[in-house]
Protein backbone atom coordinates (compact mmCIF):
# COMPACT_ATOMS: atom_id res chain seq x y z
CA MET A 1 8.96 -22.07 19.67
CA ALA A 2 9.52 -25.59 18.40
CA ASP A 3 12.95 -26.57 17.10
CA PHE A 4 12.75 -27.53 13.41
CA THR A 5 16.50 -27.97 12.98
CA GLY A 6 17.10 -31.16 11.05
CA ALA A 7 13.40 -31.62 10.20
CA LYS A 8 12.83 -32.57 6.57
CA PRO A 9 11.25 -29.54 4.86
CA TYR A 10 8.01 -29.93 2.95
CA LEU A 11 8.72 -26.76 0.94
CA GLU A 12 12.16 -25.88 -0.40
CA VAL A 13 12.67 -22.69 -2.40
CA LYS A 14 16.11 -22.52 -4.00
CA ASP A 15 17.50 -19.41 -5.72
CA LEU A 16 14.07 -18.35 -6.98
CA LYS A 17 14.10 -15.56 -9.56
CA VAL A 18 10.93 -14.03 -10.99
CA ARG A 19 11.10 -11.40 -13.70
CA PHE A 20 8.38 -9.62 -15.69
CA PRO A 21 9.42 -8.15 -19.05
CA THR A 22 7.67 -4.81 -19.68
CA GLU A 23 7.94 -1.99 -22.20
CA ASP A 24 9.89 0.04 -19.63
CA GLY A 25 12.30 -2.76 -18.77
CA VAL A 26 12.52 -6.01 -16.84
CA VAL A 27 10.92 -6.02 -13.38
CA LYS A 28 13.16 -8.06 -11.06
CA ALA A 29 10.37 -8.93 -8.63
CA VAL A 30 12.24 -11.77 -6.88
CA ASP A 31 15.99 -12.07 -7.21
CA GLY A 32 17.60 -15.18 -5.75
CA VAL A 33 15.39 -16.06 -2.76
CA SER A 34 15.93 -19.33 -0.84
CA PHE A 35 14.18 -20.75 2.24
CA THR A 36 12.57 -23.91 3.62
CA VAL A 37 9.44 -24.72 5.64
CA ALA A 38 8.92 -28.00 7.51
CA PRO A 39 5.59 -29.62 8.46
CA GLY A 40 4.17 -27.90 11.54
CA GLN A 41 6.41 -24.86 11.02
CA THR A 42 5.29 -21.28 10.35
CA LEU A 43 7.47 -18.94 8.31
CA GLY A 44 6.68 -15.23 8.40
CA ILE A 45 7.72 -13.24 5.31
CA VAL A 46 7.83 -9.50 6.01
CA GLY A 47 8.69 -6.36 4.09
CA GLU A 48 7.20 -3.24 2.59
CA SER A 49 4.86 -3.29 -0.39
CA GLY A 50 6.80 -4.16 -3.52
CA SER A 51 9.45 -6.21 -1.73
CA GLY A 52 8.49 -9.44 -3.53
CA LYS A 53 6.50 -11.21 -0.81
CA SER A 54 3.31 -11.90 -2.73
CA VAL A 55 5.16 -12.62 -5.99
CA THR A 56 7.08 -15.33 -4.13
CA SER A 57 3.85 -16.89 -2.86
CA MET A 58 2.23 -16.76 -6.30
CA SER A 59 5.29 -18.54 -7.72
CA ILE A 60 4.98 -21.33 -5.14
CA MET A 61 1.32 -21.77 -6.05
CA GLY A 62 2.14 -21.77 -9.76
CA LEU A 63 -0.17 -18.83 -10.45
CA HIS A 64 2.08 -16.79 -12.75
CA ASN A 65 1.46 -16.75 -16.50
CA ARG A 66 4.51 -18.64 -17.70
CA LYS A 67 4.30 -17.05 -21.16
CA ARG A 68 4.74 -13.58 -19.65
CA THR A 69 6.99 -14.41 -16.71
CA GLU A 70 10.63 -15.46 -16.51
CA LEU A 71 11.00 -18.02 -13.71
CA SER A 72 14.16 -19.80 -12.61
CA GLY A 73 15.43 -21.74 -9.60
CA GLN A 74 13.57 -24.53 -7.84
CA ILE A 75 10.35 -24.74 -5.82
CA LEU A 76 10.12 -28.21 -4.30
CA VAL A 77 6.73 -29.06 -2.77
CA GLY A 78 6.96 -32.49 -1.17
CA GLY A 79 9.99 -33.15 -3.36
CA ARG A 80 8.24 -32.16 -6.62
CA ASP A 81 9.58 -29.17 -8.55
CA VAL A 82 6.64 -26.89 -9.31
CA LEU A 83 8.63 -24.89 -11.89
CA ALA A 84 9.49 -28.04 -13.86
CA MET A 85 5.97 -29.51 -13.81
CA PRO A 86 3.35 -29.07 -16.57
CA GLU A 87 0.66 -26.58 -15.61
CA ASP A 88 -2.08 -29.23 -15.50
CA LYS A 89 -0.15 -31.17 -12.82
CA VAL A 90 0.46 -27.98 -10.84
CA ARG A 91 -3.31 -27.37 -10.88
CA LYS A 92 -3.82 -30.79 -9.31
CA LEU A 93 -1.44 -29.84 -6.50
CA ARG A 94 -3.30 -26.60 -5.79
CA GLY A 95 -6.04 -27.09 -3.26
CA ARG A 96 -5.00 -30.67 -2.47
CA ASP A 97 -1.30 -30.42 -1.52
CA MET A 98 -1.00 -26.65 -1.19
CA ALA A 99 -3.55 -23.91 -0.70
CA MET A 100 -3.63 -20.15 -0.32
CA ILE A 101 -5.64 -17.69 1.75
CA PHE A 102 -5.82 -14.53 -0.33
CA GLN A 103 -5.51 -10.98 0.99
CA ASP A 104 -9.02 -9.91 -0.02
CA PRO A 105 -11.55 -12.72 0.49
CA LEU A 106 -14.35 -10.66 -1.08
CA SER A 107 -12.41 -10.63 -4.36
CA ALA A 108 -11.28 -14.24 -4.03
CA LEU A 109 -14.77 -15.60 -3.34
CA HIS A 110 -17.15 -15.76 -6.30
CA PRO A 111 -20.09 -13.33 -5.87
CA PHE A 112 -22.59 -15.44 -7.87
CA TYR A 113 -22.21 -18.73 -5.97
CA THR A 114 -22.97 -19.50 -2.35
CA ILE A 115 -20.14 -20.07 0.10
CA GLY A 116 -21.21 -23.70 0.43
CA HIS A 117 -21.23 -24.26 -3.33
CA GLN A 118 -17.67 -22.97 -3.62
CA ILE A 119 -16.34 -25.13 -0.79
CA VAL A 120 -18.19 -28.19 -2.15
CA GLU A 121 -16.63 -27.67 -5.60
CA ALA A 122 -13.18 -27.17 -4.08
CA TYR A 123 -13.57 -30.53 -2.35
CA ARG A 124 -15.12 -32.49 -5.22
CA ILE A 125 -12.48 -31.45 -7.74
CA HIS A 126 -9.98 -33.54 -5.75
CA HIS A 127 -12.31 -36.25 -4.38
CA ASP A 128 -14.73 -38.54 -6.20
CA VAL A 129 -17.68 -38.08 -3.82
CA SER A 130 -21.32 -37.13 -4.09
CA LYS A 131 -22.58 -33.59 -3.54
CA SER A 132 -24.20 -34.61 -0.27
CA VAL A 133 -20.92 -36.00 1.11
CA ALA A 134 -19.06 -32.87 -0.03
CA ARG A 135 -21.75 -30.64 1.51
CA GLN A 136 -21.34 -32.39 4.85
CA ARG A 137 -17.59 -31.85 4.59
CA ALA A 138 -18.21 -28.15 3.89
CA LEU A 139 -20.53 -27.92 6.92
CA ASP A 140 -17.88 -29.54 9.11
CA MET A 141 -15.22 -27.10 7.90
CA LEU A 142 -17.43 -24.04 8.41
CA GLY A 143 -18.08 -25.17 11.95
CA ARG A 144 -14.39 -25.91 12.54
CA VAL A 145 -13.35 -22.37 11.56
CA GLY A 146 -15.86 -20.87 13.96
CA ILE A 147 -18.67 -19.71 11.69
CA PRO A 148 -21.91 -19.74 13.72
CA GLN A 149 -24.98 -21.56 12.42
CA PRO A 150 -23.13 -23.25 9.54
CA LYS A 151 -26.31 -24.97 8.28
CA ARG A 152 -27.80 -21.54 7.57
CA ARG A 153 -24.60 -19.81 6.52
CA ILE A 154 -23.63 -22.47 3.98
CA ASP A 155 -26.33 -21.24 1.57
CA GLN A 156 -25.44 -17.57 1.88
CA TYR A 157 -23.28 -15.46 -0.45
CA ALA A 158 -19.97 -13.74 0.27
CA HIS A 159 -21.57 -10.27 0.47
CA GLU A 160 -23.80 -11.53 3.31
CA PHE A 161 -20.73 -12.28 5.46
CA SER A 162 -18.78 -9.77 7.54
CA GLY A 163 -15.07 -9.28 6.81
CA GLY A 164 -14.03 -11.65 9.57
CA MET A 165 -16.58 -14.28 8.50
CA ARG A 166 -15.43 -14.05 4.87
CA GLN A 167 -11.86 -14.66 5.98
CA ARG A 168 -13.01 -17.69 8.01
CA ALA A 169 -14.87 -19.01 4.96
CA MET A 170 -11.74 -18.52 2.87
CA ILE A 171 -9.74 -20.49 5.45
CA ALA A 172 -12.37 -23.26 5.40
CA MET A 173 -12.12 -23.49 1.62
CA SER A 174 -8.31 -23.53 1.76
CA LEU A 175 -8.22 -26.33 4.34
CA VAL A 176 -11.09 -28.47 3.05
CA ASN A 177 -8.63 -30.85 1.33
CA ASP A 178 -6.17 -31.04 4.26
CA PRO A 179 -3.26 -29.43 2.34
CA ASP A 180 0.28 -29.98 3.58
CA LEU A 181 1.24 -26.38 2.71
CA LEU A 182 -0.85 -23.31 3.49
CA ILE A 183 0.09 -19.79 2.38
CA ALA A 184 -1.72 -16.88 4.06
CA ASP A 185 -1.19 -13.60 2.19
CA GLU A 186 -1.92 -10.70 4.56
CA PRO A 187 -4.64 -12.74 6.31
CA THR A 188 -5.59 -9.97 8.78
CA THR A 189 -5.54 -6.92 6.48
CA ALA A 190 -8.60 -4.64 6.87
CA LEU A 191 -9.82 -6.56 9.94
CA ASP A 192 -10.22 -4.88 13.31
CA VAL A 193 -7.81 -5.81 16.09
CA THR A 194 -10.18 -8.21 17.88
CA VAL A 195 -10.98 -10.13 14.69
CA GLN A 196 -7.28 -10.17 13.74
CA ALA A 197 -6.46 -11.93 17.00
CA GLN A 198 -9.26 -14.45 16.43
CA ILE A 199 -8.05 -15.25 12.89
CA LEU A 200 -4.44 -15.71 14.06
CA ASP A 201 -5.56 -17.96 16.92
CA LEU A 202 -7.64 -19.95 14.41
CA LEU A 203 -4.65 -20.41 12.09
CA GLU A 204 -2.51 -21.64 14.97
CA ASP A 205 -5.17 -24.09 16.12
CA LEU A 206 -5.74 -25.45 12.63
CA GLN A 207 -2.02 -25.81 12.00
CA ARG A 208 -1.67 -27.92 15.14
CA GLU A 209 -4.59 -30.05 13.93
CA PHE A 210 -3.40 -30.51 10.33
CA ASN A 211 0.40 -30.21 10.96
CA SER A 212 0.68 -28.11 7.80
CA ALA A 213 3.71 -26.11 6.74
CA VAL A 214 2.49 -22.50 6.87
CA ILE A 215 3.76 -19.28 5.29
CA VAL A 216 2.29 -16.02 6.59
CA ILE A 217 2.99 -13.00 4.38
CA THR A 218 2.56 -9.70 6.16
CA HIS A 219 3.90 -6.21 6.77
CA ASP A 220 2.63 -6.40 10.37
CA LEU A 221 5.45 -7.30 12.74
CA GLY A 222 2.92 -7.92 15.49
CA VAL A 223 1.49 -10.79 13.45
CA VAL A 224 4.99 -12.19 12.94
CA SER A 225 5.86 -12.07 16.64
CA GLN A 226 2.63 -13.88 17.53
CA ILE A 227 2.51 -16.68 15.00
CA ALA A 228 5.87 -17.27 13.25
CA ASP A 229 8.64 -19.74 14.11
CA ASP A 230 11.03 -18.29 11.53
CA VAL A 231 11.12 -14.88 9.85
CA LEU A 232 12.36 -13.91 6.40
CA VAL A 233 12.79 -10.17 5.78
CA MET A 234 12.61 -9.17 2.11
CA TYR A 235 13.70 -5.97 0.44
CA ALA A 236 13.65 -5.21 -3.29
CA GLY A 237 13.18 -8.87 -4.19
CA ARG A 238 16.05 -10.16 -2.05
CA VAL A 239 16.43 -11.64 1.42
CA ALA A 240 17.83 -9.07 3.85
CA GLU A 241 17.62 -11.20 6.99
CA TYR A 242 16.53 -14.74 7.88
CA GLY A 243 16.34 -16.47 11.26
CA THR A 244 14.06 -17.61 14.04
CA ALA A 245 11.39 -15.16 15.17
CA GLU A 246 13.22 -14.65 18.46
CA GLN A 247 16.52 -13.94 16.69
CA VAL A 248 15.07 -11.46 14.20
CA MET A 249 12.71 -9.71 16.61
CA ARG A 250 15.04 -9.50 19.61
CA SER A 251 18.47 -9.34 17.96
CA PRO A 252 17.88 -7.87 14.50
CA GLU A 253 21.02 -7.51 12.40
CA HIS A 254 20.06 -5.68 9.21
CA PRO A 255 19.52 -1.89 9.17
CA TYR A 256 16.31 -2.46 7.22
CA THR A 257 14.97 -4.72 9.97
CA TRP A 258 15.97 -2.08 12.52
CA GLY A 259 13.95 0.43 10.52
CA LEU A 260 10.89 -1.81 10.36
CA LEU A 261 10.97 -2.38 14.10
CA ALA A 262 11.64 1.28 14.96
CA SER A 263 8.74 2.48 12.81
CA VAL A 264 6.03 0.66 14.77
CA PRO A 265 4.90 1.49 18.32
CA SER A 266 6.07 -0.69 21.21
CA LEU A 267 3.97 -1.53 24.27
CA HIS A 268 7.10 -1.27 26.41
CA GLY A 269 8.66 1.82 24.81
CA ASN A 270 8.38 5.46 25.82
CA ALA A 271 4.97 6.72 24.71
CA ASP A 272 6.36 10.25 24.28
CA GLU A 273 9.12 9.24 21.87
CA ASP A 274 8.58 9.70 18.15
CA LEU A 275 8.56 6.72 15.83
CA LEU A 276 11.50 6.50 13.44
CA PRO A 277 10.18 5.88 9.92
CA ILE A 278 12.54 4.62 7.23
CA LYS A 279 13.41 7.59 5.02
CA GLY A 280 12.66 7.52 1.31
CA ASN A 281 10.65 4.98 -0.67
CA PRO A 282 11.25 1.41 -1.84
CA PRO A 283 13.18 1.35 -5.13
CA SER A 284 11.83 0.64 -8.57
CA LEU A 285 12.32 -3.04 -9.36
CA ILE A 286 13.14 -2.05 -12.93
CA ASN A 287 16.03 0.15 -11.79
CA VAL A 288 17.24 -1.47 -8.58
CA PRO A 289 20.09 0.56 -7.01
CA PRO A 290 23.55 -0.95 -7.52
CA GLY A 291 25.19 -2.78 -4.64
CA CYS A 292 22.94 -3.15 -1.60
CA ALA A 293 19.48 -2.10 -2.77
CA PHE A 294 18.79 -0.56 0.64
CA HIS A 295 21.87 1.68 0.70
CA PRO A 296 20.12 4.88 -0.57
CA ARG A 297 17.82 4.72 2.47
CA CYS A 298 20.28 3.33 5.02
CA ARG A 299 21.61 5.65 7.74
CA TYR A 300 24.70 3.46 8.08
CA ALA A 301 25.59 2.94 4.43
CA MET A 302 29.10 3.94 3.45
CA VAL A 303 30.27 4.45 7.06
CA ASN A 304 33.29 2.40 6.09
CA GLY A 305 33.61 3.99 2.67
CA GLY A 306 31.84 1.15 0.85
CA PRO A 307 31.20 -1.23 -0.84
CA CYS A 308 27.48 -0.68 -0.15
CA ASP A 309 26.98 1.24 -3.41
CA ILE A 310 28.75 -1.19 -5.74
CA GLU A 311 28.63 -4.74 -4.37
CA VAL A 312 25.55 -6.84 -3.58
CA PRO A 313 25.98 -8.27 -0.05
CA GLN A 314 25.80 -12.04 0.38
CA LEU A 315 23.38 -13.66 2.84
CA LEU A 316 25.79 -15.02 5.44
CA ASP A 317 25.48 -16.83 8.78
CA LEU A 318 26.35 -14.87 11.92
CA ILE A 319 29.46 -15.85 13.82
CA LYS A 320 27.84 -15.56 17.26
CA PRO A 321 27.26 -19.08 18.67
CA ASP A 322 23.90 -18.12 20.20
CA GLN A 323 22.68 -16.89 16.79
CA ARG A 324 23.19 -20.13 14.88
CA GLY A 325 21.05 -20.22 11.73
CA HIS A 326 20.62 -16.43 11.78
CA LYS A 327 21.60 -14.96 8.37
CA VAL A 328 22.02 -11.37 7.22
CA ALA A 329 22.97 -9.67 3.95
CA CYS A 330 24.86 -6.55 5.04
CA HIS A 331 28.33 -5.12 4.35
CA LEU A 332 28.73 -3.81 7.91
CA PRO A 333 30.98 -6.14 9.94
CA GLU A 334 29.08 -8.15 12.54
CA ARG A 335 30.84 -6.52 15.51
CA GLN A 336 30.12 -3.06 14.14
CA ARG A 337 26.43 -3.91 13.65
CA THR A 338 26.28 -5.09 17.26
CA GLU A 339 27.80 -1.83 18.49
CA ILE A 340 25.43 0.28 16.37
CA TYR A 341 22.43 -1.69 17.57
CA GLU A 342 23.35 -1.48 21.23
CA GLN A 343 24.30 2.22 21.16
CA ASP A 344 21.96 3.70 18.60
CA ILE A 345 19.02 1.41 17.90
CA ALA A 346 18.04 -0.41 21.09
CA SER A 347 17.80 2.92 22.93
CA VAL A 348 14.64 3.84 21.01
CA GLY A 349 12.81 0.73 22.18
CA VAL A 350 13.32 -1.57 19.21
CA ALA A 351 12.57 -5.23 19.92
CA GLN A 352 11.69 -4.60 23.53
């Protein structure tokens, strides 16, 4: 993994809070999230459904309805605060400076227009060029993302593409303007394993070519281990753990991260051992549990008598010198977490 320490970030998210007022109460979808991504760096954001991953990405892209959403904090894209900009200026940033690969390309691609038409329009909205020049650019991008026979495929519709081909077309459209920031929201969902690997390899190759800052949002820890430089673990709208991929995957510190890793099969673990799913369900973001939001599901909550149930833990740096930059929000003392991990968690094959 490359070392991005000291590199000037292209994206800076500072104390982002996103809330949706509803008849039942206020949904605290994102509650004080901060992170950075530098050019050429890939950040993996992981967590269960409802943890705030996609809401965070939509905020960065400026896709929330500001009249119905309470937004606070800062989102700096190339030094420009998206939350403080008028919506028309944010629209000019989308597609040109930042782009997004959506989870379901069949829904994101328009069914009534050809793939080529959509890529051409995405290019021309930011460049004063003729249709023929834009069409050639679209052909080049379709070829670059590995779509066979692009001259024939360019005039086809989304329903004529396979799932993997639709995702490639979505990537071509996202990258047609050479954006400096690319957000991929569950880019391999519903794709078979072989196609998943091809899409991830494609993203890595294109990132090296464009030197974009990349955010990959996923619940698949295998994707994170393959493609991410840094990992941010979210739970109930907050950051539970943040560090390099090697730190988080090999030396996880938060009980929630332990649970995520223990609930997926390992190639090097004992095939006869049962997986250890996290008990319970993610909390309602209208009624988030007091204190650490994870404490009702945590096997190690209250082992010291508190304050897991009353005090929200701060995201703090680890003391260990070899874990510099590794942050965790947990009330368990660092030494105690290390003992628990070594005695209780690592034995079931986590992070092997």
